[in-house]
Protein backbone atom coordinates (compact mmCIF):
# COMPACT_ATOMS: atom_id res chain seq x y z
CA MET A 1 44.27 171.97 93.25
CA LYS A 2 46.54 171.40 95.85
CA SER A 3 47.46 167.34 97.05
CA LEU A 4 46.15 165.37 99.70
CA PRO A 5 49.16 164.06 101.51
CA GLU A 6 49.93 160.11 101.70
CA GLU A 7 49.23 158.22 105.13
CA HIS A 8 50.60 155.36 106.41
CA ARG A 9 48.34 152.39 107.60
CA VAL A 10 48.70 149.05 108.69
CA LEU A 11 45.85 147.21 106.45
CA ASP A 12 44.63 143.32 106.41
CA VAL A 13 45.00 141.84 103.47
CA ASN A 14 41.45 141.13 102.52
CA GLU A 15 41.22 144.70 102.55
CA ILE A 16 42.83 145.30 99.39
CA ALA A 17 42.53 144.32 96.40
CA LEU A 18 44.81 143.45 93.31
CA TYR A 19 44.80 146.46 90.60
CA ASP A 20 42.32 145.80 87.89
CA HIS A 21 44.75 146.82 85.14
CA ASN A 22 47.49 145.57 86.04
CA PRO A 23 50.13 145.91 83.19
CA ARG A 24 51.40 142.64 83.53
CA HIS A 25 49.39 139.74 81.87
CA SER A 26 51.31 137.18 82.82
CA ALA A 27 53.01 135.50 85.46
CA ASN A 28 56.08 137.26 87.09
CA PRO A 29 58.92 134.94 86.44
CA LYS A 30 60.88 135.98 89.76
CA PHE A 31 57.00 134.68 91.82
CA ASP A 32 58.95 131.71 93.58
CA VAL A 33 61.90 133.78 94.89
CA ILE A 34 59.86 136.72 95.60
CA LYS A 35 57.73 134.25 98.26
CA ALA A 36 60.36 132.41 99.41
CA SER A 37 61.81 135.74 100.49
CA ILE A 38 58.29 137.03 101.92
CA ARG A 39 58.08 133.58 103.57
CA ALA A 40 61.36 134.08 105.42
CA GLN A 41 61.67 137.89 105.91
CA GLY A 42 58.54 139.35 105.77
CA MET A 43 57.72 142.51 103.90
CA ASP A 44 60.62 144.81 102.98
CA GLN A 45 58.53 148.15 101.87
CA PRO A 46 55.00 148.88 101.78
CA LEU A 47 52.41 148.10 99.50
CA VAL A 48 51.57 151.56 97.75
CA VAL A 49 47.29 151.55 97.42
CA THR A 50 44.57 153.85 96.66
CA GLN A 51 41.02 154.41 96.65
CA ARG A 52 38.77 154.95 93.72
CA PRO A 53 35.95 157.93 94.39
CA GLY A 54 32.83 156.08 96.24
CA GLU A 55 34.62 152.68 96.55
CA THR A 56 35.32 151.61 100.28
CA ALA A 57 38.23 149.40 99.53
CA TYR A 58 41.55 149.89 98.47
CA MET A 59 43.66 148.42 95.53
CA ILE A 60 47.30 148.74 94.79
CA GLY A 61 47.89 152.12 93.67
CA ALA A 62 51.94 151.84 92.11
CA GLY A 63 53.28 147.94 91.71
CA GLY A 64 53.20 145.01 94.37
CA ASN A 65 50.15 143.02 92.93
CA THR A 66 52.61 140.17 92.96
CA ARG A 67 53.59 140.71 96.31
CA LEU A 68 50.11 140.86 97.38
CA THR A 69 49.24 137.74 95.72
CA ILE A 70 51.74 136.01 97.50
CA LEU A 71 51.15 137.41 101.08
CA LYS A 72 47.49 136.42 101.01
CA ALA A 73 48.82 132.52 99.48
CA LEU A 74 50.75 132.81 102.55
CA TYR A 75 48.42 133.42 104.50
CA GLU A 76 46.14 131.19 103.64
CA GLU A 77 48.89 128.83 103.89
CA THR A 78 50.03 129.22 107.57
CA GLY A 79 47.71 130.88 109.37
CA ASN A 80 50.27 133.02 110.43
CA THR A 81 48.78 136.41 111.51
CA ARG A 82 52.20 138.20 110.17
CA PHE A 83 51.09 137.64 106.23
CA SER A 84 47.61 139.27 107.02
CA ARG A 85 48.61 142.60 108.18
CA VAL A 86 50.61 144.68 106.15
CA PRO A 87 52.31 148.18 106.26
CA CYS A 88 50.80 150.20 103.49
CA VAL A 89 51.02 154.17 101.50
CA VAL A 90 48.02 155.22 101.43
CA ARG A 91 47.83 157.54 98.47
CA PRO A 92 44.56 159.91 97.29
CA TRP A 93 42.97 159.06 93.91
CA CYS A 94 44.30 161.12 91.12
CA GLY A 95 43.03 159.14 87.87
CA GLU A 96 42.66 156.52 86.07
CA SER A 97 45.87 157.30 84.17
CA GLU A 98 47.87 158.39 86.79
CA VAL A 99 47.18 154.92 88.55
CA LEU A 100 48.02 152.79 85.75
CA LEU A 101 51.30 155.14 84.55
CA ALA A 102 52.44 154.60 88.15
CA HIS A 103 52.21 150.71 87.53
CA LEU A 104 54.06 151.24 84.63
CA ARG A 105 56.76 153.12 86.28
CA GLU A 106 57.05 150.95 89.06
CA ASN A 107 57.02 147.90 86.81
CA ASP A 108 59.85 149.30 84.79
CA LEU A 109 62.10 150.55 87.38
CA ARG A 110 62.17 146.49 88.49
CA GLY A 111 62.55 145.66 83.78
CA SER A 112 60.21 143.01 84.32
CA LEU A 113 57.32 143.50 81.39
CA THR A 114 57.40 142.11 77.80
CA PHE A 115 57.28 144.24 75.38
CA ILE A 116 53.42 143.50 74.37
CA ASP A 117 52.40 144.09 78.07
CA LYS A 118 53.71 147.34 78.28
CA ALA A 119 52.38 148.20 74.78
CA LEU A 120 48.83 147.06 76.11
CA ALA A 121 49.38 149.15 78.98
CA VAL A 122 50.58 152.61 77.26
CA LEU A 123 48.22 152.34 75.17
CA GLU A 124 45.36 152.23 77.31
CA ALA A 125 46.68 154.99 79.78
CA LYS A 126 46.55 156.91 76.10
CA GLN A 127 42.51 155.87 75.95
CA PHE A 128 42.12 157.11 80.21
CA ILE A 129 44.16 160.52 79.42
CA GLU A 130 41.59 161.30 76.34
CA ALA A 131 38.32 160.45 78.56
CA GLU A 132 39.33 162.57 81.15
CA THR A 133 40.90 165.04 79.11
CA GLY A 134 38.18 164.94 76.72
CA THR A 135 40.22 166.35 73.82
CA GLY A 136 39.87 163.59 71.95
CA GLU A 137 42.32 161.56 69.99
CA LEU A 138 45.90 162.30 71.17
CA THR A 139 48.55 161.81 68.27
CA HIS A 140 51.61 160.63 69.21
CA LYS A 141 53.47 163.30 69.33
CA ASP A 142 50.69 165.08 71.97
CA PHE A 143 50.70 161.73 73.85
CA VAL A 144 54.71 162.24 74.26
CA LYS A 145 54.13 165.22 75.70
CA VAL A 146 51.22 164.73 77.97
CA LEU A 147 53.43 161.49 79.70
CA GLN A 148 56.68 163.57 79.74
CA SER A 149 54.09 166.27 82.14
CA THR A 150 53.71 163.18 84.52
CA GLY A 151 57.13 161.93 84.39
CA TYR A 152 56.94 159.18 82.15
CA SER A 153 59.17 159.31 79.06
CA ILE A 154 58.98 157.24 76.03
CA SER A 155 59.20 158.43 72.45
CA ARG A 156 57.53 158.90 69.70
CA SER A 157 59.27 155.48 67.58
CA VAL A 158 58.87 153.10 70.31
CA ILE A 159 54.88 154.56 70.71
CA SER A 160 54.63 153.37 66.95
CA GLN A 161 55.88 150.13 67.47
CA MET A 162 53.57 149.36 70.61
CA ALA A 163 50.64 150.56 68.43
CA TYR A 164 51.69 148.24 65.36
CA ALA A 165 52.54 145.53 68.04
CA VAL A 166 48.75 145.60 69.42
CA GLN A 167 46.98 146.91 66.59
CA THR A 168 48.27 144.33 63.94
CA LEU A 169 50.84 141.68 65.47
CA LEU A 170 48.66 140.39 68.20
CA PRO A 171 45.73 139.16 66.75
CA LEU A 172 48.51 136.80 64.32
CA ILE A 173 51.02 136.03 66.82
CA PRO A 174 49.87 136.45 70.52
CA GLN A 175 52.01 133.39 71.70
CA ALA A 176 55.21 134.82 70.44
CA LEU A 177 54.50 137.92 71.67
CA GLU A 178 53.09 136.83 75.06
CA ALA A 179 56.33 134.55 74.94
CA GLY A 180 58.83 137.50 75.38
CA LEU A 181 59.16 138.97 71.86
CA GLY A 182 60.91 142.42 71.92
CA LYS A 183 61.14 145.72 70.04
CA HIS A 184 63.53 144.95 68.07
CA GLN A 185 61.86 142.56 67.11
CA VAL A 186 58.25 143.53 66.45
CA GLU A 187 61.45 146.48 64.41
CA ARG A 188 61.99 143.86 62.30
CA ILE A 189 58.66 142.31 61.42
CA ARG A 190 57.23 145.59 60.61
CA ALA A 191 59.91 146.98 58.42
CA LEU A 192 59.75 143.02 56.93
CA GLU A 193 55.78 144.02 55.74
CA ARG A 194 56.65 146.78 54.74
CA ALA A 195 59.22 145.96 52.35
CA ALA A 196 57.48 142.60 51.22
CA ARG A 197 54.31 144.65 50.76
CA SER A 198 56.63 147.11 48.46
CA LEU A 199 57.66 144.56 46.32
CA TRP A 200 54.25 142.84 46.05
CA GLN A 201 53.30 145.86 44.43
CA ARG A 202 56.00 146.59 42.30
CA TYR A 203 55.62 142.99 40.77
CA GLY A 204 52.06 143.24 40.32
CA ALA A 205 50.87 140.62 42.58
CA GLY A 206 48.05 141.77 43.49
CA ASP A 207 45.98 144.64 45.43
CA ASP A 208 46.74 145.41 49.50
CA SER A 209 44.21 143.15 50.68
CA GLU A 210 45.57 140.15 48.72
CA PHE A 211 48.91 141.01 50.71
CA ASP A 212 47.34 141.13 53.69
CA ALA A 213 45.75 137.58 53.49
CA VAL A 214 48.75 136.17 53.18
CA LEU A 215 51.07 138.00 55.12
CA MET A 216 48.21 136.86 58.00
CA ALA A 217 48.17 133.25 56.87
CA LEU A 218 52.02 133.11 57.35
CA CYS A 219 52.13 134.91 60.80
CA ARG A 220 49.69 132.62 62.33
CA ARG A 221 51.25 129.39 60.63
CA TYR A 222 54.66 130.65 62.47
CA ASP A 223 53.00 132.11 65.73
CA GLY A 224 54.67 130.46 68.41
CA PRO A 225 57.21 131.28 71.75
CA ASP A 226 60.10 129.96 69.51
CA TRP A 227 58.91 132.65 67.24
CA ASP A 228 62.01 133.06 64.12
CA THR A 229 61.50 136.41 61.91
CA ASP A 230 63.34 134.26 59.05
CA CYS A 231 60.86 131.78 58.84
CA LEU A 232 58.56 134.87 57.59
CA GLN A 233 60.69 136.46 55.72
CA ARG A 234 61.44 133.21 53.57
CA ALA A 235 58.00 132.02 53.41
CA LEU A 236 57.27 136.04 52.34
CA GLU A 237 60.07 135.49 49.62
CA THR A 238 58.41 132.55 48.42
CA GLU A 239 55.15 133.13 48.24
CA ILE A 240 56.18 136.65 45.92
CA ALA A 241 58.16 135.11 44.30
CA GLU A 242 55.84 132.13 42.90
CA GLU A 243 52.70 134.31 42.73
CA THR A 244 54.69 136.35 40.23
CA GLU A 245 56.60 133.89 38.97
CA THR A 246 59.88 135.35 39.48
CA SER A 247 63.46 133.82 40.44
CA ILE A 248 63.66 132.99 44.25
CA HIS A 249 66.74 134.68 44.19
CA THR A 250 65.92 137.54 42.28
CA LEU A 251 63.36 138.06 44.81
CA ARG A 252 65.27 137.87 47.89
CA VAL A 253 68.06 140.39 46.91
CA ALA A 254 65.17 142.43 45.59
CA LEU A 255 63.71 141.94 49.04
CA ASP A 256 67.43 142.72 50.98
CA ALA A 257 67.94 146.15 49.23
CA GLU A 258 64.45 147.40 50.12
CA LEU A 259 64.80 146.54 53.65
CA ASN A 260 68.64 148.33 54.10
CA GLY A 261 66.96 151.25 51.67
CA ARG A 262 69.59 150.84 48.87
CA ALA A 263 68.26 151.03 44.98
CA LEU A 264 68.19 147.78 43.04
CA VAL A 265 69.43 148.51 39.50
CA ILE A 266 69.20 145.70 37.01
CA PRO A 267 70.81 146.80 33.43
CA ALA A 268 68.39 146.45 30.65
CA VAL A 269 68.80 146.26 27.12
CA GLU A 270 67.05 147.68 24.48
CA SER A 271 65.53 145.30 22.12
CA GLU A 272 64.54 147.88 19.56
CA PRO A 273 67.03 148.92 16.95
CA ALA A 274 67.51 152.81 16.07
CA THR A 275 70.60 154.62 14.36
CA GLU A 276 73.62 154.61 17.11
CA ARG A 277 74.38 152.01 20.21
CA SER A 278 76.14 153.51 23.20
CA TRP A 279 76.62 151.79 26.36
CA THR A 280 77.52 153.49 29.45
CA GLY A 281 78.16 152.72 33.22
CA GLY A 282 81.22 151.37 35.08
CA PRO A 283 82.79 149.31 37.83
CA PRO A 284 83.38 148.87 41.24
CA ALA A 285 86.06 151.38 42.77
CA GLY A 286 89.53 150.24 42.72
CA VAL A 287 88.87 148.65 38.74
CA ASP A 288 91.01 150.38 35.80
CA THR A 289 89.08 150.72 32.84
CA GLY A 290 92.12 151.93 30.60
CA ASP A 291 90.77 153.27 27.58
CA CYS A 292 87.37 151.94 27.57
CA ASP A 293 85.08 153.95 25.34
CA ASP A 294 81.78 152.06 25.73
CA CYS A 295 81.63 152.56 29.14
CA THR A 296 82.11 155.44 31.88
CA ALA A 297 83.52 154.70 35.55
CA GLN A 298 80.77 154.72 38.28
CA ALA A 299 81.83 153.52 41.15
CA ASP A 300 78.97 152.48 43.45
CA SER A 301 79.28 149.62 45.82
CA ASP A 302 75.44 148.67 46.15
CA ARG A 303 74.55 148.54 41.89
CA VAL A 304 75.51 148.08 38.61
CA ALA A 305 73.64 150.27 36.34
CA VAL A 306 74.05 149.62 33.01
CA SER A 307 72.24 151.52 29.94
CA ALA A 308 72.10 150.21 26.39
CA ASP A 309 70.80 153.56 24.71
CA SER A 310 70.10 152.26 21.22
CA GLU A 311 71.15 149.69 18.98
CA PRO A 312 73.34 149.62 15.61
CA SER A 313 71.75 150.41 12.40
CA ASP A 314 70.79 148.03 9.81
CA THR A 315 74.11 148.01 8.07
CA GLN A 316 76.23 147.46 11.54
CA ARG A 317 73.92 144.31 11.98
CA ALA A 318 75.86 141.22 10.90
CA ALA A 319 74.80 137.47 11.45
CA PRO A 320 76.78 135.38 13.36
CA ALA A 321 79.89 134.50 11.59
CA GLU A 322 80.83 130.62 11.06
CA ALA A 323 83.80 128.84 12.66
CA PRO A 324 86.93 128.86 10.28
CA ASP A 325 87.20 125.72 8.41
CA ASP A 326 90.95 125.33 9.42
CA GLY A 327 90.16 125.53 13.28
CA PRO A 328 89.88 122.77 15.88
CA THR A 329 87.06 120.16 15.14
CA GLN A 330 84.80 120.06 17.94
CA PRO A 331 82.94 116.29 19.00
CA THR A 332 79.32 116.53 18.08
CA ASP A 333 77.47 117.32 21.18
CA PRO A 334 73.96 116.91 20.89
CA ALA A 335 72.78 118.96 23.94
CA ALA A 336 75.42 121.62 22.68
CA ASP A 337 73.47 121.24 19.44
CA ALA A 338 69.91 121.41 20.81
CA LEU A 339 71.18 124.72 23.12
CA GLU A 340 72.52 126.23 19.78
CA ARG A 341 69.30 125.35 17.82
CA MET A 342 67.71 127.11 20.71
CA SER A 343 69.92 129.62 20.91
CA GLU A 344 69.44 130.71 17.56
CA ALA A 345 65.47 130.24 17.53
CA LEU A 346 65.26 132.98 20.38
CA LEU A 347 68.20 135.46 18.84
CA ASP A 348 66.17 135.21 15.68
CA VAL A 349 62.99 137.07 17.25
CA ASP A 350 65.20 139.98 18.13
CA SER A 351 68.23 140.36 15.69
CA SER A 352 69.15 143.10 17.25
CA ALA A 353 73.00 141.89 18.06
CA PRO A 354 75.45 144.41 17.01
CA GLY A 355 78.08 143.05 14.28
CA ASP A 356 81.32 145.16 15.43
CA LEU A 357 83.53 143.85 18.19
CA LYS A 358 83.86 147.16 20.56
CA SER A 359 79.49 146.59 20.58
CA LEU A 360 79.60 142.95 21.38
CA ARG A 361 82.07 143.05 24.06
CA GLY A 362 79.64 145.92 25.34
CA ARG A 363 76.39 143.84 24.95
CA ALA A 364 78.48 140.84 26.51
CA TRP A 365 78.70 142.90 29.63
CA THR A 366 75.61 144.34 29.84
CA LEU A 367 73.68 140.91 29.96
CA ALA A 368 76.50 139.48 32.10
CA ALA A 369 75.93 142.20 35.05
CA ARG A 370 72.32 142.14 34.61
CA LEU A 371 72.48 138.17 34.97
CA ALA A 372 74.69 138.89 38.46
CA GLN A 373 72.96 141.37 39.69
CA ARG A 374 69.44 139.62 39.65
CA HIS A 375 71.11 136.56 41.45
CA GLY A 376 72.99 138.82 44.41
CA ILE A 377 76.45 138.95 42.55
CA GLY A 378 76.48 141.68 40.77
CA GLU A 379 79.62 143.10 42.19
CA LEU A 380 81.26 140.52 40.69
CA VAL A 381 81.23 141.41 37.05
CA VAL A 382 83.59 144.43 35.88
CA PRO A 383 83.56 145.80 32.09
CA LEU A 384 87.07 144.92 30.46
CA SER A 385 88.62 147.40 28.16
CA GLY A 386 89.79 146.71 24.41
CA GLN A 387 90.41 142.56 25.14
CA GLY A 388 89.10 139.39 26.01
CA LEU A 389 84.83 138.86 26.05
CA GLY A 390 83.95 142.61 27.31
CA PHE A 391 83.97 141.04 30.81
CA VAL A 392 85.63 139.41 33.68
CA LEU A 393 84.56 138.03 37.26
CA ARG A 394 86.84 139.94 40.14
CA ASP A 395 86.69 137.28 42.54
CA VAL A 396 84.30 133.87 43.66
CA PRO A 397 81.26 134.53 45.29
CA ASP A 398 80.87 135.78 48.74
CA PRO A 399 81.90 133.05 51.12
CA ALA A 400 78.77 133.76 53.33
CA LEU A 401 76.25 133.14 51.20
CA THR A 402 76.72 129.43 52.15
CA ASP A 403 74.91 130.28 55.24
CA GLN A 404 72.26 133.06 54.08
CA LEU A 405 70.95 130.89 51.05
CA ASP A 406 69.18 127.54 51.21
CA ASP A 407 71.06 124.75 49.04
CA ASP A 408 68.78 124.83 45.43
CA THR A 409 69.83 128.83 45.43
CA LEU A 410 72.81 128.60 46.24
CA ASN A 411 73.22 125.42 43.32
CA GLN A 412 72.02 127.86 41.48
CA VAL A 413 74.07 130.91 42.34
CA SER A 414 77.18 128.42 41.76
CA MET A 415 76.44 127.19 38.37
CA LEU A 416 75.12 131.05 37.34
CA TRP A 417 79.13 131.93 38.40
CA TRP A 418 80.40 129.17 36.36
CA GLN A 419 78.55 130.13 32.97
CA LEU A 420 79.52 133.55 33.24
CA ALA A 421 83.19 132.36 33.97
CA ALA A 422 83.04 130.42 31.09
CA CYS A 423 81.31 133.95 28.78
CA ALA A 424 84.82 135.56 29.86
CA GLU A 425 86.86 132.81 29.39
CA MET A 426 88.38 133.00 32.84
CA THR A 427 90.22 129.88 33.34
CA CYS A 428 91.33 129.20 30.03
CA ALA A 429 92.58 133.11 28.76
CA PRO A 430 95.85 133.86 29.02
CA LEU A 431 97.12 134.22 32.81
CA ASP A 432 98.70 137.03 32.46
CA ALA A 433 96.05 139.10 30.69
CA ILE A 434 93.13 137.52 33.35
CA VAL A 435 95.39 138.24 36.36
CA ALA A 436 96.37 141.90 35.85
CA THR A 437 92.41 142.41 35.98
CA LEU A 438 91.92 140.98 39.72
CA PRO A 439 92.53 142.41 42.80
CA SER A 440 95.53 141.38 44.70
CA GLU A 441 92.62 140.19 47.81
CA SER A 442 90.79 138.09 45.12
CA VAL A 443 90.57 134.17 45.76
CA LEU A 444 89.84 133.91 42.16
CA ARG A 445 93.23 135.44 41.49
CA GLN A 446 95.09 132.99 43.92
CA ALA A 447 93.90 130.25 42.68
CA LEU A 448 94.68 131.00 39.01
CA GLU A 449 98.38 132.17 40.12
CA ASP A 450 98.69 129.22 41.48
CA GLN A 451 97.30 126.64 39.60
CA ASP A 452 95.05 125.78 42.46
CA ALA A 453 92.27 124.06 40.99
CA GLU A 454 90.77 122.72 44.37
CA LEU A 455 91.02 126.26 45.67
CA LEU A 456 88.70 127.69 43.08
CA PHE A 457 86.51 124.68 43.06
CA ASN A 458 86.20 124.48 46.78
CA SER A 459 85.05 128.35 46.57
CA VAL A 460 82.28 128.06 44.28
CA TRP A 461 81.00 124.84 45.67
CA THR A 462 81.27 123.12 42.24
CA LEU A 463 78.87 120.72 41.34
CA ASP A 464 78.67 117.89 38.98
CA PRO A 465 78.33 119.80 35.34
CA GLY A 466 75.56 117.28 34.69
CA HIS A 467 73.65 119.09 36.82
CA THR A 468 73.33 122.01 34.91
CA GLY A 469 70.48 121.69 33.09
CA TYR A 470 68.27 120.54 35.93
CA ARG A 471 69.67 122.79 38.68
CA LEU A 472 70.12 126.08 36.54
CA TRP A 473 68.57 126.20 33.21
CA ARG A 474 65.25 124.75 34.31
CA ALA A 475 65.39 126.80 37.35
CA LEU A 476 65.98 130.12 35.72
CA ASN A 477 62.56 132.39 35.04
CA ASP A 478 62.33 133.53 31.43
CA ALA A 479 63.89 136.97 31.47
CA ASP A 480 67.19 135.26 33.17
CA TRP A 481 66.98 132.27 30.65
CA ARG A 482 66.82 134.38 27.97
CA ASP A 483 69.39 136.63 28.93
CA LEU A 484 72.18 133.79 29.41
CA ILE A 485 70.69 132.29 25.95
CA HIS A 486 71.75 135.79 24.36
CA LEU A 487 75.15 135.69 26.50
CA MET A 488 76.02 132.47 25.19
CA ASP A 489 75.36 133.61 21.57
CA THR A 490 77.40 137.15 22.46
CA TYR A 491 80.13 135.31 23.30
CA ARG A 492 80.08 132.71 19.89
CA ARG A 493 79.13 136.27 17.74
CA ILE A 494 82.71 137.28 19.49
CA ARG A 495 84.88 134.38 18.83
CA HIS A 496 83.78 133.88 15.33
CA LEU A 497 84.24 137.74 14.26
CA ALA A 498 87.61 137.75 15.88
CA ALA A 499 88.50 134.94 14.04
CA ASP A 500 87.46 135.80 10.65
CA THR A 501 89.21 139.40 11.33
CA GLY A 502 92.35 137.77 12.98
CA THR A 503 92.03 140.01 15.76
CA ALA A 504 93.77 138.35 18.83
CA LEU A 505 91.01 138.91 21.56
CA TRP A 506 93.59 138.55 24.29
CA GLY A 507 96.44 140.78 23.24
């Protein structure tokens, strides 16, 4: 059908109504500026108006609701007729959807709509189009095509984010959305929900309805004009960690991997004995493994992957050797004695520790890698071939962690690093042997070469060693605690075996 021509008329402001489906739900932030301009100079552009079939009154047909509101206010305030008569372009009626889209196009030109206002309008236009065409519910793909045919372009991904904002977030965080929460923030919240839901299911915290209840409660808790998605993320981490009795930092590392689409692979040690033991895995790129037979190189900056395929046979196993009688006498330490008794008690339950030096080194590396990976510093643990304790730490933790972690978590990570450093003898092994394993840019290497204790202590957020029990041992979950005990016991076994056999660990 041929479209009817537009008409130009001068109408009284009282003959024109505001558009009842106006996309803008909040006040125009430039209201006062526009009012001052119209008061001083009058209208610089005509209003676009239209009429629904069967109605005598006109209504705004394509933007201009703010200007009409200002004209009526100025006329009421001043009584000046220059505010009561307004030039208009009268457009023939062409359907509810087209009028709404015309308002959207006009507001897009001005860039003045919040994301939630635009989302509500787009989804309402979809309903209008579905009713007008009688085709039933449109898919996002089909809706995009219809919009493009009207001259309004928008992507499927944006429509998906709009639907999520309206259907999921608006009932939960209306204040944040109305204050101007944007598309990128909505995308981040949606990604966070997906990642957290995945971990909720992976760690067996409950079903989807239970997660939905947690998410709803937390969103409503933090709703406000100053919305911060980081607060929601930290709260979700805490809720899942508490529900699953998982280390908060383990959960944080897992969530970060989920959000960034990275695999999180934590090494595992088999506890059942078998006939033979082999160790596979690999160090980060750039680390020379030499003739290491118990590990294979696998350059992967995003993960540490270790496989413990089997345990040694019964004939290969040996109990920890006693320290030689002629060795240095250590002072009695009740705390250390208690820890050793606990270690032995735990290890008696699982007597699978190997009895040869090569396998013990492999075991130490696996345990260290697993602990480090769970606490976000897995890239620092690398295997050491044919000497030492089976692994080294290539550097201090990333300084950026000071801005990313809360104080308790940062303290836990730093103390764990020192525990790993002790089990690798990073600060007491021969300097030449250690330095040769470290990258040239390593802060740890610089501190060791320069004998700069202050640099090292400042780089690893060193705390009072007397806090180790309270801030680390107490805070570790059961799996991490067992791994730490096994790692310390493996260190003792390596040292005792080397002493018994006259083997120099650091050749």
